[in-house]
Amino acid sequence: MSEDDLERAGARIEDVVRTRIFVTDIAQWEAIGRAHGEVFAQIRPVCTMVEVAKLIAPEILVEIEADAVIGAGGSRA
């Protein structure tokens, strides 16, 4: 997911209301949480982090799923 993906759907990053983070090594939760916070600090969506055995490709260590509600981020000026 990127801001471009959101824009194509008519949403903005501020419209994200929930994220789910899937990680292959939960011991890295602090660094992952810090990175998530850099993007979502002002938005503060509900967030869940879950450890999984593996993701679709071995080089992928983190996957983030996001739900957005168009207009949830306030003014669209």
PDB file of N, CA and C in Angstrom:
ATOM      1  N   MET A   1       0.845  -1.174   0.000  1.00  0.00           N
ATOM      2  CA  MET A   1       0.000   0.000   0.000  1.00  0.00           C
ATOM      3  C   MET A   1       0.884   1.228   0.000  1.00  0.00           C
ATOM      4  N   SER A   2       0.486   2.180  -0.791  1.00  0.00           N
ATOM      5  CA  SER A   2       1.189   3.453  -0.812  1.00  0.00           C
ATOM      6  C   SER A   2       0.148   4.560  -0.843  1.00  0.00           C
ATOM      7  N   GLU A   3       0.625   5.773  -0.662  1.00  0.00           N
ATOM      8  CA  GLU A   3      -0.296   6.903  -0.757  1.00  0.00           C
ATOM      9  C   GLU A   3      -0.897   6.971  -2.151  1.00  0.00           C
ATOM     10  N   ASP A   4      -0.143   6.561  -3.183  1.00  0.00           N
ATOM     11  CA  ASP A   4      -0.677   6.532  -4.544  1.00  0.00           C
ATOM     12  C   ASP A   4      -1.840   5.553  -4.655  1.00  0.00           C
ATOM     13  N   ASP A   5      -1.712   4.391  -3.997  1.00  0.00           N
ATOM     14  CA  ASP A   5      -2.797   3.406  -4.010  1.00  0.00           C
ATOM     15  C   ASP A   5      -4.056   3.989  -3.372  1.00  0.00           C
ATOM     16  N   LEU A   6      -3.864   4.673  -2.253  1.00  0.00           N
ATOM     17  CA  LEU A   6      -5.006   5.297  -1.581  1.00  0.00           C
ATOM     18  C   LEU A   6      -5.649   6.342  -2.482  1.00  0.00           C
ATOM     19  N   GLU A   7      -4.833   7.182  -3.105  1.00  0.00           N
ATOM     20  CA  GLU A   7      -5.353   8.235  -3.977  1.00  0.00           C
ATOM     21  C   GLU A   7      -6.146   7.655  -5.139  1.00  0.00           C
ATOM     22  N   ARG A   8      -5.669   6.552  -5.718  1.00  0.00           N
ATOM     23  CA  ARG A   8      -6.403   5.915  -6.819  1.00  0.00           C
ATOM     24  C   ARG A   8      -7.783   5.440  -6.358  1.00  0.00           C
ATOM     25  N   ALA A   9      -7.905   5.133  -5.082  1.00  0.00           N
ATOM     26  CA  ALA A   9      -9.191   4.689  -4.533  1.00  0.00           C
ATOM     27  C   ALA A   9     -10.025   5.863  -4.012  1.00  0.00           C
ATOM     28  N   GLY A  10      -9.489   7.082  -4.117  1.00  0.00           N
ATOM     29  CA  GLY A  10     -10.225   8.257  -3.654  1.00  0.00           C
ATOM     30  C   GLY A  10     -10.017   8.575  -2.186  1.00  0.00           C
ATOM     31  N   ALA A  11      -9.001   7.975  -1.571  1.00  0.00           N
ATOM     32  CA  ALA A  11      -8.729   8.186  -0.144  1.00  0.00           C
ATOM     33  C   ALA A  11      -7.380   8.881   0.037  1.00  0.00           C
ATOM     34  N   ARG A  12      -7.097   9.253   1.266  1.00  0.00           N
ATOM     35  CA  ARG A  12      -5.812   9.849   1.636  1.00  0.00           C
ATOM     36  C   ARG A  12      -5.239   9.070   2.817  1.00  0.00           C
ATOM     37  N   ILE A  13      -3.961   9.255   3.083  1.00  0.00           N
ATOM     38  CA  ILE A  13      -3.328   8.570   4.213  1.00  0.00           C
ATOM     39  C   ILE A  13      -4.064   8.900   5.514  1.00  0.00           C
ATOM     40  N   GLU A  14      -4.603  10.110   5.611  1.00  0.00           N
ATOM     41  CA  GLU A  14      -5.336  10.518   6.820  1.00  0.00           C
ATOM     42  C   GLU A  14      -6.632   9.744   7.005  1.00  0.00           C
ATOM     43  N   ASP A  15      -7.104   9.077   5.959  1.00  0.00           N
ATOM     44  CA  ASP A  15      -8.343   8.300   6.027  1.00  0.00           C
ATOM     45  C   ASP A  15      -8.129   6.883   6.561  1.00  0.00           C
ATOM     46  N   VAL A  16      -6.877   6.487   6.784  1.00  0.00           N
ATOM     47  CA  VAL A  16      -6.592   5.140   7.292  1.00  0.00           C
ATOM     48  C   VAL A  16      -7.076   5.053   8.736  1.00  0.00           C
ATOM     49  N   VAL A  17      -7.934   4.075   9.012  1.00  0.00           N
ATOM     50  CA  VAL A  17      -8.509   3.918  10.348  1.00  0.00           C
ATOM     51  C   VAL A  17      -8.011   2.665  11.069  1.00  0.00           C
ATOM     52  N   ARG A  18      -7.412   1.740  10.322  1.00  0.00           N
ATOM     53  CA  ARG A  18      -6.924   0.502  10.938  1.00  0.00           C
ATOM     54  C   ARG A  18      -5.781  -0.066  10.111  1.00  0.00           C
ATOM     55  N   THR A  19      -4.752  -0.556  10.808  1.00  0.00           N
ATOM     56  CA  THR A  19      -3.676  -1.278  10.134  1.00  0.00           C
ATOM     57  C   THR A  19      -3.456  -2.604  10.837  1.00  0.00           C
ATOM     58  N   ARG A  20      -3.038  -3.587  10.053  1.00  0.00           N
ATOM     59  CA  ARG A  20      -2.640  -4.886  10.577  1.00  0.00           C
ATOM     60  C   ARG A  20      -1.237  -5.130  10.054  1.00  0.00           C
ATOM     61  N   ILE A  21      -0.336  -5.425  10.966  1.00  0.00           N
ATOM     62  CA  ILE A  21       1.058  -5.645  10.589  1.00  0.00           C
ATOM     63  C   ILE A  21       1.372  -7.111  10.805  1.00  0.00           C
ATOM     64  N   PHE A  22       1.783  -7.782   9.742  1.00  0.00           N
ATOM     65  CA  PHE A  22       2.179  -9.180   9.805  1.00  0.00           C
ATOM     66  C   PHE A  22       3.701  -9.218   9.728  1.00  0.00           C
ATOM     67  N   VAL A  23       4.342  -9.847  10.710  1.00  0.00           N
ATOM     68  CA  VAL A  23       5.809  -9.880  10.776  1.00  0.00           C
ATOM     69  C   VAL A  23       6.288 -11.317  10.922  1.00  0.00           C
ATOM     70  N   THR A  24       7.477 -11.584  10.400  1.00  0.00           N
ATOM     71  CA  THR A  24       8.039 -12.924  10.523  1.00  0.00           C
ATOM     72  C   THR A  24       8.909 -13.060  11.767  1.00  0.00           C
ATOM     73  N   ASP A  25       9.218 -11.930  12.433  1.00  0.00           N
ATOM     74  CA  ASP A  25      10.029 -11.963  13.653  1.00  0.00           C
ATOM     75  C   ASP A  25       9.500 -10.913  14.624  1.00  0.00           C
ATOM     76  N   ILE A  26       8.642 -11.337  15.537  1.00  0.00           N
ATOM     77  CA  ILE A  26       7.998 -10.421  16.480  1.00  0.00           C
ATOM     78  C   ILE A  26       9.010  -9.742  17.401  1.00  0.00           C
ATOM     79  N   ALA A  27      10.209 -10.299  17.512  1.00  0.00           N
ATOM     80  CA  ALA A  27      11.249  -9.673  18.332  1.00  0.00           C
ATOM     81  C   ALA A  27      11.648  -8.307  17.769  1.00  0.00           C
ATOM     82  N   GLN A  28      11.319  -8.055  16.513  1.00  0.00           N
ATOM     83  CA  GLN A  28      11.630  -6.766  15.886  1.00  0.00           C
ATOM     84  C   GLN A  28      10.493  -5.752  16.053  1.00  0.00           C
ATOM     85  N   TRP A  29       9.582  -6.008  16.991  1.00  0.00           N
ATOM     86  CA  TRP A  29       8.384  -5.186  17.121  1.00  0.00           C
ATOM     87  C   TRP A  29       8.682  -3.712  17.356  1.00  0.00           C
ATOM     88  N   GLU A  30       9.723  -3.396  18.118  1.00  0.00           N
ATOM     89  CA  GLU A  30       9.999  -1.983  18.398  1.00  0.00           C
ATOM     90  C   GLU A  30      10.383  -1.221  17.134  1.00  0.00           C
ATOM     91  N   ALA A  31      11.278  -1.771  16.338  1.00  0.00           N
ATOM     92  CA  ALA A  31      11.703  -1.107  15.102  1.00  0.00           C
ATOM     93  C   ALA A  31      10.538  -0.999  14.120  1.00  0.00           C
ATOM     94  N   ILE A  32       9.748  -2.045  14.035  1.00  0.00           N
ATOM     95  CA  ILE A  32       8.598  -2.042  13.131  1.00  0.00           C
ATOM     96  C   ILE A  32       7.575  -1.010  13.597  1.00  0.00           C
ATOM     97  N   GLY A  33       7.316  -0.996  14.887  1.00  0.00           N
ATOM     98  CA  GLY A  33       6.392  -0.015  15.452  1.00  0.00           C
ATOM     99  C   GLY A  33       6.871   1.414  15.255  1.00  0.00           C
ATOM    100  N   ARG A  34       8.166   1.622  15.372  1.00  0.00           N
ATOM    101  CA  ARG A  34       8.749   2.952  15.161  1.00  0.00           C
ATOM    102  C   ARG A  34       8.531   3.398  13.706  1.00  0.00           C
ATOM    103  N   ALA A  35       8.770   2.496  12.755  1.00  0.00           N
ATOM    104  CA  ALA A  35       8.561   2.817  11.340  1.00  0.00           C
ATOM    105  C   ALA A  35       7.082   3.120  11.067  1.00  0.00           C
ATOM    106  N   HIS A  36       6.206   2.320  11.637  1.00  0.00           N
ATOM    107  CA  HIS A  36       4.760   2.548  11.494  1.00  0.00           C
ATOM    108  C   HIS A  36       4.404   3.914  12.059  1.00  0.00           C
ATOM    109  N   GLY A  37       4.975   4.249  13.203  1.00  0.00           N
ATOM    110  CA  GLY A  37       4.707   5.529  13.846  1.00  0.00           C
ATOM    111  C   GLY A  37       5.175   6.717  13.029  1.00  0.00           C
ATOM    112  N   GLU A  38       6.245   6.554  12.256  1.00  0.00           N
ATOM    113  CA  GLU A  38       6.720   7.651  11.408  1.00  0.00           C
ATOM    114  C   GLU A  38       5.676   8.029  10.361  1.00  0.00           C
ATOM    115  N   VAL A  39       4.938   7.060   9.891  1.00  0.00           N
ATOM    116  CA  VAL A  39       3.919   7.318   8.876  1.00  0.00           C
ATOM    117  C   VAL A  39       2.590   7.726   9.508  1.00  0.00           C
ATOM    118  N   PHE A  40       2.225   7.059  10.596  1.00  0.00           N
ATOM    119  CA  PHE A  40       0.874   7.213  11.143  1.00  0.00           C
ATOM    120  C   PHE A  40       0.796   7.946  12.477  1.00  0.00           C
ATOM    121  N   ALA A  41       1.850   8.626  12.898  1.00  0.00           N
ATOM    122  CA  ALA A  41       1.879   9.266  14.221  1.00  0.00           C
ATOM    123  C   ALA A  41       0.725  10.245  14.432  1.00  0.00           C
ATOM    124  N   GLN A  42       0.432  11.058  13.437  1.00  0.00           N
ATOM    125  CA  GLN A  42      -0.632  12.055  13.579  1.00  0.00           C
ATOM    126  C   GLN A  42      -2.022  11.463  13.339  1.00  0.00           C
ATOM    127  N   ILE A  43      -2.079  10.304  12.700  1.00  0.00           N
ATOM    128  CA  ILE A  43      -3.353   9.695  12.327  1.00  0.00           C
ATOM    129  C   ILE A  43      -3.838   8.738  13.420  1.00  0.00           C
ATOM    130  N   ARG A  44      -2.901   7.957  13.946  1.00  0.00           N
ATOM    131  CA  ARG A  44      -3.138   7.007  15.032  1.00  0.00           C
ATOM    132  C   ARG A  44      -4.273   6.016  14.748  1.00  0.00           C
ATOM    133  N   PRO A  45      -4.164   5.248  13.653  1.00  0.00           N
ATOM    134  CA  PRO A  45      -5.188   4.230  13.396  1.00  0.00           C
ATOM    135  C   PRO A  45      -5.086   3.090  14.417  1.00  0.00           C
ATOM    136  N   VAL A  46      -6.164   2.368  14.583  1.00  0.00           N
ATOM    137  CA  VAL A  46      -6.124   1.149  15.378  1.00  0.00           C
ATOM    138  C   VAL A  46      -5.114   0.233  14.709  1.00  0.00           C
ATOM    139  N   CYS A  47      -4.294  -0.452  15.496  1.00  0.00           N
ATOM    140  CA  CYS A  47      -3.217  -1.247  14.910  1.00  0.00           C
ATOM    141  C   CYS A  47      -3.072  -2.587  15.630  1.00  0.00           C
ATOM    142  N   THR A  48      -2.859  -3.624  14.857  1.00  0.00           N
ATOM    143  CA  THR A  48      -2.586  -4.955  15.380  1.00  0.00           C
ATOM    144  C   THR A  48      -1.306  -5.460  14.732  1.00  0.00           C
ATOM    145  N   MET A  49      -0.424  -6.077  15.525  1.00  0.00           N
ATOM    146  CA  MET A  49       0.784  -6.693  14.985  1.00  0.00           C
ATOM    147  C   MET A  49       0.725  -8.180  15.314  1.00  0.00           C
ATOM    148  N   VAL A  50       0.954  -9.001  14.293  1.00  0.00           N
ATOM    149  CA  VAL A  50       0.843 -10.445  14.439  1.00  0.00           C
ATOM    150  C   VAL A  50       2.079 -11.109  13.839  1.00  0.00           C
ATOM    151  N   GLU A  51       2.635 -12.082  14.558  1.00  0.00           N
ATOM    152  CA  GLU A  51       3.747 -12.851  14.001  1.00  0.00           C
ATOM    153  C   GLU A  51       3.191 -14.015  13.181  1.00  0.00           C
ATOM    154  N   VAL A  52       3.773 -14.194  11.999  1.00  0.00           N
ATOM    155  CA  VAL A  52       3.390 -15.301  11.124  1.00  0.00           C
ATOM    156  C   VAL A  52       4.633 -16.116  10.802  1.00  0.00           C
ATOM    157  N   ALA A  53       4.453 -17.361  10.402  1.00  0.00           N
ATOM    158  CA  ALA A  53       5.591 -18.229  10.079  1.00  0.00           C
ATOM    159  C   ALA A  53       6.364 -17.718   8.883  1.00  0.00           C
ATOM    160  N   LYS A  54       5.647 -17.276   7.856  1.00  0.00           N
ATOM    161  CA  LYS A  54       6.309 -16.714   6.684  1.00  0.00           C
ATOM    162  C   LYS A  54       5.281 -15.951   5.871  1.00  0.00           C
ATOM    163  N   LEU A  55       5.807 -15.098   4.986  1.00  0.00           N
ATOM    164  CA  LEU A  55       4.962 -14.351   4.070  1.00  0.00           C
ATOM    165  C   LEU A  55       5.148 -14.921   2.668  1.00  0.00           C
ATOM    166  N   ILE A  56       4.585 -14.302   1.671  1.00  0.00           N
ATOM    167  CA  ILE A  56       4.534 -14.895   0.336  1.00  0.00           C
ATOM    168  C   ILE A  56       5.903 -15.139  -0.298  1.00  0.00           C
ATOM    169  N   ALA A  57       6.899 -14.347   0.081  1.00  0.00           N
ATOM    170  CA  ALA A  57       8.262 -14.534  -0.445  1.00  0.00           C
ATOM    171  C   ALA A  57       9.235 -14.440   0.733  1.00  0.00           C
ATOM    172  N   PRO A  58      10.290 -15.230   0.725  1.00  0.00           N
ATOM    173  CA  PRO A  58      11.196 -15.264   1.874  1.00  0.00           C
ATOM    174  C   PRO A  58      11.866 -13.934   2.196  1.00  0.00           C
ATOM    175  N   GLU A  59      12.038 -13.061   1.199  1.00  0.00           N
ATOM    176  CA  GLU A  59      12.684 -11.769   1.461  1.00  0.00           C
ATOM    177  C   GLU A  59      11.738 -10.754   2.100  1.00  0.00           C
ATOM    178  N   ILE A  60      10.442 -11.041   2.114  1.00  0.00           N
ATOM    179  CA  ILE A  60       9.468 -10.138   2.734  1.00  0.00           C
ATOM    180  C   ILE A  60       9.378 -10.473   4.221  1.00  0.00           C
ATOM    181  N   LEU A  61       9.688  -9.492   5.050  1.00  0.00           N
ATOM    182  CA  LEU A  61       9.697  -9.685   6.501  1.00  0.00           C
ATOM    183  C   LEU A  61       8.506  -9.034   7.184  1.00  0.00           C
ATOM    184  N   VAL A  62       7.923  -8.021   6.540  1.00  0.00           N
ATOM    185  CA  VAL A  62       6.805  -7.268   7.117  1.00  0.00           C
ATOM    186  C   VAL A  62       5.785  -7.005   6.017  1.00  0.00           C
ATOM    187  N   GLU A  63       4.524  -7.196   6.353  1.00  0.00           N
ATOM    188  CA  GLU A  63       3.438  -6.841   5.440  1.00  0.00           C
ATOM    189  C   GLU A  63       2.429  -6.022   6.231  1.00  0.00           C
ATOM    190  N   ILE A  64       1.986  -4.918   5.662  1.00  0.00           N
ATOM    191  CA  ILE A  64       1.019  -4.059   6.345  1.00  0.00           C
ATOM    192  C   ILE A  64      -0.250  -3.991   5.516  1.00  0.00           C
ATOM    193  N   GLU A  65      -1.353  -4.262   6.169  1.00  0.00           N
ATOM    194  CA  GLU A  65      -2.684  -4.174   5.565  1.00  0.00           C
ATOM    195  C   GLU A  65      -3.360  -2.960   6.186  1.00  0.00           C
ATOM    196  N   ALA A  66      -4.018  -2.151   5.382  1.00  0.00           N
ATOM    197  CA  ALA A  66      -4.650  -0.944   5.910  1.00  0.00           C
ATOM    198  C   ALA A  66      -6.095  -0.846   5.436  1.00  0.00           C
ATOM    199  N   ASP A  67      -6.958  -0.374   6.336  1.00  0.00           N
ATOM    200  CA  ASP A  67      -8.348  -0.065   6.003  1.00  0.00           C
ATOM    201  C   ASP A  67      -8.500   1.443   6.068  1.00  0.00           C
ATOM    202  N   ALA A  68      -9.105   2.005   5.047  1.00  0.00           N
ATOM    203  CA  ALA A  68      -9.349   3.454   5.019  1.00  0.00           C
ATOM    204  C   ALA A  68     -10.836   3.698   4.817  1.00  0.00           C
ATOM    205  N   VAL A  69     -11.330   4.741   5.453  1.00  0.00           N
ATOM    206  CA  VAL A  69     -12.704   5.187   5.279  1.00  0.00           C
ATOM    207  C   VAL A  69     -12.619   6.579   4.665  1.00  0.00           C
ATOM    208  N   ILE A  70     -13.051   6.695   3.424  1.00  0.00           N
ATOM    209  CA  ILE A  70     -12.942   7.973   2.734  1.00  0.00           C
ATOM    210  C   ILE A  70     -13.689   9.050   3.522  1.00  0.00           C
ATOM    211  N   GLY A  71     -12.955  10.108   3.833  1.00  0.00           N
ATOM    212  CA  GLY A  71     -13.516  11.225   4.603  1.00  0.00           C
ATOM    213  C   GLY A  71     -13.228  11.129   6.085  1.00  0.00           C
ATOM    214  N   ALA A  72     -12.703  10.002   6.556  1.00  0.00           N
ATOM    215  CA  ALA A  72     -12.430   9.847   7.990  1.00  0.00           C
ATOM    216  C   ALA A  72     -11.347  10.800   8.471  1.00  0.00           C
ATOM    217  N   GLY A  73     -10.495  11.253   7.548  1.00  0.00           N
ATOM    218  CA  GLY A  73      -9.383  12.133   7.911  1.00  0.00           C
ATOM    219  C   GLY A  73      -9.752  13.597   8.027  1.00  0.00           C
ATOM    220  N   GLY A  74     -11.014  13.910   7.935  1.00  0.00           N
ATOM    221  CA  GLY A  74     -11.436  15.306   8.099  1.00  0.00           C
ATOM    222  C   GLY A  74     -11.484  16.079   6.796  1.00  0.00           C
ATOM    223  N   SER A  75     -11.233  17.367   6.905  1.00  0.00           N
ATOM    224  CA  SER A  75     -11.362  18.312   5.793  1.00  0.00           C
ATOM    225  C   SER A  75     -10.616  17.864   4.555  1.00  0.00           C
ATOM    226  N   ARG A  76     -11.212  18.065   3.403  1.00  0.00           N
ATOM    227  CA  ARG A  76     -10.604  17.703   2.128  1.00  0.00           C
ATOM    228  C   ARG A  76     -10.246  18.953   1.328  1.00  0.00           C
ATOM    229  N   ALA A  77      -9.938  20.026   2.006  1.00  0.00           N
ATOM    230  CA  ALA A  77      -9.618  21.299   1.351  1.00  0.00           C
ATOM    231  C   ALA A  77      -8.425  21.239   0.467  1.00  0.00           C
TER     232      ALA A  77
END
